[in-house]
Amino acid sequence: MERIIFVTSNRNKAREAGRILGLNVEPVPLDVPEIQSLDLEAVARAKVRAACEALGDPDLPVLAEDSGLAVNAWNGFPGALTRWLMQSVGNEGLLRMLSGYEDRSARALCVVAVAHEGSIHTFWGEVEGEIAPEPRGSGGFGYDPVFIPAGQSRTYAELGELKNELSHRARALRAVREWLGSP
């Protein structure tokens, strides 16, 4: 297998996936419906299923992902709802909502779903960390300016290319690479 379809409009995500997978990743900017669920795996599975249907069940493997931030003080919220929370309140709102909590620990989570030959396989990536007291850095997107991965003193947004090596998405994609048997 030399190619895989990645349902994303983010070319940077597609390039990152290509580097990690060692494959030619074809980004396809499909607007697939995103189910409302607290379960990241259910969301990723639904995305890849909808993508396969929209693409007419292609012969190539199709990849879709969902990611989120699980704040431990909030019992894992927002999790799969991170995208919607960030669109509503952004990093500043997230920080204001967390201001009354001593526990700032969180996990960055990603589930990659791969559909191929009639079945769907899922792969998890997780990074422990904490929420910074204020946004820092200019790289990345979403909660990158406020998430500090464990073992680091900088946020994802401050880490530059190192983020792509340490991230929850990179961990999930490395699991896909292993499953595919890629070097």
C-alpha atoms as a PDB file:
ATOM      1  CA  MET A   1       0.000   0.000   0.000  1.00  0.00           C
ATOM      2  CA  GLU A   2       1.438   3.344  -1.035  1.00  0.00           C
ATOM      3  CA  ARG A   3      -1.502   5.743  -0.627  1.00  0.00           C
ATOM      4  CA  ILE A   4      -4.173   6.539   1.907  1.00  0.00           C
ATOM      5  CA  ILE A   5      -7.017   9.062   1.909  1.00  0.00           C
ATOM      6  CA  PHE A   6      -7.166  11.408   4.912  1.00  0.00           C
ATOM      7  CA  VAL A   7     -10.469  13.215   5.404  1.00  0.00           C
ATOM      8  CA  THR A   8      -9.211  16.659   6.367  1.00  0.00           C
ATOM      9  CA  SER A   9      -9.013  20.154   4.942  1.00  0.00           C
ATOM     10  CA  ASN A  10      -5.880  20.797   7.016  1.00  0.00           C
ATOM     11  CA  ARG A  11      -2.896  20.228   4.719  1.00  0.00           C
ATOM     12  CA  ASN A  12      -0.511  20.426   7.703  1.00  0.00           C
ATOM     13  CA  LYS A  13      -2.281  17.475   9.324  1.00  0.00           C
ATOM     14  CA  ALA A  14      -2.029  15.576   6.035  1.00  0.00           C
ATOM     15  CA  ARG A  15       1.716  16.318   5.712  1.00  0.00           C
ATOM     16  CA  GLU A  16       2.280  15.252   9.323  1.00  0.00           C
ATOM     17  CA  ALA A  17       0.336  12.034   8.686  1.00  0.00           C
ATOM     18  CA  GLY A  18       2.344  11.346   5.533  1.00  0.00           C
ATOM     19  CA  ARG A  19       5.657  11.748   7.377  1.00  0.00           C
ATOM     20  CA  ILE A  20       4.570   9.466  10.213  1.00  0.00           C
ATOM     21  CA  LEU A  21       2.883   6.827   8.053  1.00  0.00           C
ATOM     22  CA  GLY A  22       5.531   6.795   5.352  1.00  0.00           C
ATOM     23  CA  LEU A  23       2.758   6.922   2.742  1.00  0.00           C
ATOM     24  CA  ASN A  24       1.416   9.313   0.160  1.00  0.00           C
ATOM     25  CA  VAL A  25      -1.474  10.869   2.085  1.00  0.00           C
ATOM     26  CA  GLU A  26      -4.174  12.364  -0.092  1.00  0.00           C
ATOM     27  CA  PRO A  27      -6.082  15.042   1.856  1.00  0.00           C
ATOM     28  CA  VAL A  28      -9.769  15.140   0.952  1.00  0.00           C
ATOM     29  CA  PRO A  29     -11.674  18.120   2.400  1.00  0.00           C
ATOM     30  CA  LEU A  30     -15.041  16.415   2.838  1.00  0.00           C
ATOM     31  CA  ASP A  31     -17.608  18.077   5.037  1.00  0.00           C
ATOM     32  CA  VAL A  32     -18.821  14.974   6.854  1.00  0.00           C
ATOM     33  CA  PRO A  33     -21.350  15.269   9.660  1.00  0.00           C
ATOM     34  CA  GLU A  34     -19.901  15.063  13.142  1.00  0.00           C
ATOM     35  CA  ILE A  35     -22.152  13.218  15.553  1.00  0.00           C
ATOM     36  CA  GLN A  36     -22.588  14.683  19.014  1.00  0.00           C
ATOM     37  CA  SER A  37     -21.137  12.161  21.423  1.00  0.00           C
ATOM     38  CA  LEU A  38     -18.860  12.169  24.446  1.00  0.00           C
ATOM     39  CA  ASP A  39     -17.083   9.154  22.917  1.00  0.00           C
ATOM     40  CA  LEU A  40     -14.156  10.157  20.660  1.00  0.00           C
ATOM     41  CA  GLU A  41     -14.030   6.708  19.117  1.00  0.00           C
ATOM     42  CA  ALA A  42     -17.723   6.843  18.163  1.00  0.00           C
ATOM     43  CA  VAL A  43     -17.172  10.245  16.520  1.00  0.00           C
ATOM     44  CA  ALA A  44     -14.107   9.070  14.554  1.00  0.00           C
ATOM     45  CA  ARG A  45     -15.899   5.885  13.434  1.00  0.00           C
ATOM     46  CA  ALA A  46     -18.945   7.865  12.272  1.00  0.00           C
ATOM     47  CA  LYS A  47     -16.729  10.323  10.372  1.00  0.00           C
ATOM     48  CA  VAL A  48     -14.840   7.618   8.496  1.00  0.00           C
ATOM     49  CA  ARG A  49     -18.060   5.703   7.742  1.00  0.00           C
ATOM     50  CA  ALA A  50     -19.677   8.874   6.313  1.00  0.00           C
ATOM     51  CA  ALA A  51     -16.511   9.655   4.338  1.00  0.00           C
ATOM     52  CA  CYS A  52     -16.409   6.193   2.759  1.00  0.00           C
ATOM     53  CA  GLU A  53     -20.046   6.524   1.767  1.00  0.00           C
ATOM     54  CA  ALA A  54     -19.477  10.014   0.274  1.00  0.00           C
ATOM     55  CA  LEU A  55     -16.419   8.758  -1.638  1.00  0.00           C
ATOM     56  CA  GLY A  56     -18.236   5.712  -3.018  1.00  0.00           C
ATOM     57  CA  ASP A  57     -16.281   3.158  -0.957  1.00  0.00           C
ATOM     58  CA  PRO A  58     -12.862   3.690  -2.562  1.00  0.00           C
ATOM     59  CA  ASP A  59     -10.289   0.911  -2.880  1.00  0.00           C
ATOM     60  CA  LEU A  60      -7.797   2.944  -0.847  1.00  0.00           C
ATOM     61  CA  PRO A  61      -7.886   3.026   2.948  1.00  0.00           C
ATOM     62  CA  VAL A  62      -9.723   6.070   4.322  1.00  0.00           C
ATOM     63  CA  LEU A  63      -8.556   7.762   7.497  1.00  0.00           C
ATOM     64  CA  ALA A  64     -10.467  10.196   9.735  1.00  0.00           C
ATOM     65  CA  GLU A  65      -9.666  11.416  13.211  1.00  0.00           C
ATOM     66  CA  ASP A  66     -11.198  13.144  16.173  1.00  0.00           C
ATOM     67  CA  SER A  67      -9.332  14.698  19.025  1.00  0.00           C
ATOM     68  CA  GLY A  68     -10.064  16.509  22.222  1.00  0.00           C
ATOM     69  CA  LEU A  69      -8.900  17.771  25.563  1.00  0.00           C
ATOM     70  CA  ALA A  70      -9.982  15.887  28.689  1.00  0.00           C
ATOM     71  CA  VAL A  71      -9.699  18.090  31.787  1.00  0.00           C
ATOM     72  CA  ASN A  72      -9.342  15.889  34.851  1.00  0.00           C
ATOM     73  CA  ALA A  73     -11.027  18.369  37.229  1.00  0.00           C
ATOM     74  CA  TRP A  74     -14.089  18.193  34.962  1.00  0.00           C
ATOM     75  CA  ASN A  75     -14.172  14.372  34.774  1.00  0.00           C
ATOM     76  CA  GLY A  76     -12.833  14.381  31.220  1.00  0.00           C
ATOM     77  CA  PHE A  77     -14.968  17.212  29.811  1.00  0.00           C
ATOM     78  CA  PRO A  78     -14.895  18.598  27.122  1.00  0.00           C
ATOM     79  CA  GLY A  79     -13.375  15.482  25.470  1.00  0.00           C
ATOM     80  CA  ALA A  80     -15.094  14.879  22.133  1.00  0.00           C
ATOM     81  CA  LEU A  81     -16.893  18.212  22.543  1.00  0.00           C
ATOM     82  CA  THR A  82     -13.646  20.235  22.601  1.00  0.00           C
ATOM     83  CA  ARG A  83     -14.147  21.629  19.113  1.00  0.00           C
ATOM     84  CA  TRP A  84     -17.529  23.054  20.076  1.00  0.00           C
ATOM     85  CA  LEU A  85     -16.301  24.442  23.400  1.00  0.00           C
ATOM     86  CA  MET A  86     -13.342  26.133  21.722  1.00  0.00           C
ATOM     87  CA  GLN A  87     -15.587  27.639  19.032  1.00  0.00           C
ATOM     88  CA  SER A  88     -17.840  29.018  21.767  1.00  0.00           C
ATOM     89  CA  VAL A  89     -15.399  30.324  24.387  1.00  0.00           C
ATOM     90  CA  GLY A  90     -11.857  29.857  23.046  1.00  0.00           C
ATOM     91  CA  ASN A  91      -8.759  29.486  25.184  1.00  0.00           C
ATOM     92  CA  GLU A  92      -9.569  32.543  27.303  1.00  0.00           C
ATOM     93  CA  GLY A  93     -12.975  31.121  28.203  1.00  0.00           C
ATOM     94  CA  LEU A  94     -11.474  27.717  28.942  1.00  0.00           C
ATOM     95  CA  LEU A  95      -8.982  29.356  31.306  1.00  0.00           C
ATOM     96  CA  ARG A  96     -11.691  31.430  33.021  1.00  0.00           C
ATOM     97  CA  MET A  97     -13.817  28.311  33.531  1.00  0.00           C
ATOM     98  CA  LEU A  98     -10.831  26.473  35.025  1.00  0.00           C
ATOM     99  CA  SER A  99      -9.726  29.389  37.244  1.00  0.00           C
ATOM    100  CA  GLY A 100     -11.479  28.047  40.362  1.00  0.00           C
ATOM    101  CA  TYR A 101      -9.745  24.660  40.204  1.00  0.00           C
ATOM    102  CA  GLU A 102      -6.385  23.726  41.708  1.00  0.00           C
ATOM    103  CA  ASP A 103      -6.104  20.602  39.546  1.00  0.00           C
ATOM    104  CA  ARG A 104      -5.056  21.761  36.072  1.00  0.00           C
ATOM    105  CA  SER A 105      -4.113  18.299  34.791  1.00  0.00           C
ATOM    106  CA  ALA A 106      -5.514  17.241  31.445  1.00  0.00           C
ATOM    107  CA  ARG A 107      -5.051  14.741  28.641  1.00  0.00           C
ATOM    108  CA  ALA A 108      -4.845  15.480  24.935  1.00  0.00           C
ATOM    109  CA  LEU A 109      -6.601  12.619  23.141  1.00  0.00           C
ATOM    110  CA  CYS A 110      -6.857  11.503  19.528  1.00  0.00           C
ATOM    111  CA  VAL A 111      -8.614   8.608  17.851  1.00  0.00           C
ATOM    112  CA  VAL A 112      -7.730   7.777  14.266  1.00  0.00           C
ATOM    113  CA  ALA A 113     -10.235   5.581  12.439  1.00  0.00           C
ATOM    114  CA  VAL A 114      -9.155   3.718   9.305  1.00  0.00           C
ATOM    115  CA  ALA A 115     -11.729   2.123   7.010  1.00  0.00           C
ATOM    116  CA  HIS A 116     -10.430  -0.478   4.588  1.00  0.00           C
ATOM    117  CA  GLU A 117     -11.947  -3.498   2.870  1.00  0.00           C
ATOM    118  CA  GLY A 118     -15.236  -3.213   4.716  1.00  0.00           C
ATOM    119  CA  SER A 119     -13.934  -2.867   8.263  1.00  0.00           C
ATOM    120  CA  ILE A 120     -13.023   0.016  10.562  1.00  0.00           C
ATOM    121  CA  HIS A 121     -10.022  -0.033  12.883  1.00  0.00           C
ATOM    122  CA  THR A 122      -9.357   2.599  15.549  1.00  0.00           C
ATOM    123  CA  PHE A 123      -6.098   3.759  17.107  1.00  0.00           C
ATOM    124  CA  TRP A 124      -5.679   5.919  20.202  1.00  0.00           C
ATOM    125  CA  GLY A 125      -3.063   8.506  21.099  1.00  0.00           C
ATOM    126  CA  GLU A 126      -2.919  10.176  24.495  1.00  0.00           C
ATOM    127  CA  VAL A 127      -0.619  12.739  26.091  1.00  0.00           C
ATOM    128  CA  GLU A 128      -0.785  13.620  29.787  1.00  0.00           C
ATOM    129  CA  GLY A 129      -0.194  17.242  30.640  1.00  0.00           C
ATOM    130  CA  GLU A 130      -1.633  20.324  32.247  1.00  0.00           C
ATOM    131  CA  ILE A 131      -3.385  23.548  31.368  1.00  0.00           C
ATOM    132  CA  ALA A 132      -1.148  26.626  31.449  1.00  0.00           C
ATOM    133  CA  PRO A 133      -2.294  29.659  33.473  1.00  0.00           C
ATOM    134  CA  GLU A 134      -2.345  31.799  30.306  1.00  0.00           C
ATOM    135  CA  PRO A 135      -2.038  31.223  26.540  1.00  0.00           C
ATOM    136  CA  ARG A 136       1.553  31.041  25.286  1.00  0.00           C
ATOM    137  CA  GLY A 137       3.050  30.606  21.838  1.00  0.00           C
ATOM    138  CA  SER A 138       1.973  31.355  18.309  1.00  0.00           C
ATOM    139  CA  GLY A 139       2.079  27.932  16.679  1.00  0.00           C
ATOM    140  CA  GLY A 140      -0.593  25.305  16.350  1.00  0.00           C
ATOM    141  CA  PHE A 141      -4.327  25.763  16.697  1.00  0.00           C
ATOM    142  CA  GLY A 142      -7.191  25.155  19.112  1.00  0.00           C
ATOM    143  CA  TYR A 143      -5.985  24.545  22.651  1.00  0.00           C
ATOM    144  CA  ASP A 144      -2.288  24.330  21.642  1.00  0.00           C
ATOM    145  CA  PRO A 145      -1.471  27.662  23.396  1.00  0.00           C
ATOM    146  CA  VAL A 146      -2.715  26.355  26.760  1.00  0.00           C
ATOM    147  CA  PHE A 147      -1.728  22.654  26.795  1.00  0.00           C
ATOM    148  CA  ILE A 148       1.658  21.749  28.304  1.00  0.00           C
ATOM    149  CA  PRO A 149       2.571  18.097  27.676  1.00  0.00           C
ATOM    150  CA  ALA A 150       4.068  16.211  30.625  1.00  0.00           C
ATOM    151  CA  GLY A 151       7.845  16.503  30.777  1.00  0.00           C
ATOM    152  CA  GLN A 152       7.795  19.856  28.976  1.00  0.00           C
ATOM    153  CA  SER A 153       7.716  23.442  30.222  1.00  0.00           C
ATOM    154  CA  ARG A 154       6.341  24.848  26.961  1.00  0.00           C
ATOM    155  CA  THR A 155       2.858  24.641  25.473  1.00  0.00           C
ATOM    156  CA  TYR A 156       2.157  22.765  22.250  1.00  0.00           C
ATOM    157  CA  ALA A 157       2.036  26.200  20.558  1.00  0.00           C
ATOM    158  CA  GLU A 158       5.590  26.946  21.746  1.00  0.00           C
ATOM    159  CA  LEU A 159       7.075  23.578  20.761  1.00  0.00           C
ATOM    160  CA  GLY A 160       7.091  24.077  16.976  1.00  0.00           C
ATOM    161  CA  GLU A 161       7.932  20.863  15.086  1.00  0.00           C
ATOM    162  CA  LEU A 162       8.597  19.037  18.357  1.00  0.00           C
ATOM    163  CA  LYS A 163       4.827  19.111  18.947  1.00  0.00           C
ATOM    164  CA  ASN A 164       4.372  16.864  15.901  1.00  0.00           C
ATOM    165  CA  GLU A 165       6.686  14.277  17.463  1.00  0.00           C
ATOM    166  CA  LEU A 166       5.112  14.371  20.937  1.00  0.00           C
ATOM    167  CA  SER A 167       1.456  14.919  20.149  1.00  0.00           C
ATOM    168  CA  HIS A 168      -1.541  12.732  20.767  1.00  0.00           C
ATOM    169  CA  ARG A 169      -2.197  12.668  16.995  1.00  0.00           C
ATOM    170  CA  ALA A 170       1.376  11.537  16.286  1.00  0.00           C
ATOM    171  CA  ARG A 171       0.980   8.696  18.794  1.00  0.00           C
ATOM    172  CA  ALA A 172      -2.261   7.538  17.182  1.00  0.00           C
ATOM    173  CA  LEU A 173      -0.722   7.758  13.697  1.00  0.00           C
ATOM    174  CA  ARG A 174       2.322   5.749  14.806  1.00  0.00           C
ATOM    175  CA  ALA A 175      -0.111   3.044  15.965  1.00  0.00           C
ATOM    176  CA  VAL A 176      -1.704   3.119  12.483  1.00  0.00           C
ATOM    177  CA  ARG A 177       1.755   2.824  10.901  1.00  0.00           C
ATOM    178  CA  GLU A 178       2.519  -0.212  13.049  1.00  0.00           C
ATOM    179  CA  TRP A 179      -0.813  -1.817  12.109  1.00  0.00           C
ATOM    180  CA  LEU A 180      -0.139  -1.177   8.419  1.00  0.00           C
ATOM    181  CA  GLY A 181       3.289  -2.742   8.783  1.00  0.00           C
ATOM    182  CA  SER A 182       5.024   0.375   7.471  1.00  0.00           C
ATOM    183  CA  PRO A 183       8.688   0.891   8.438  1.00  0.00           C
END
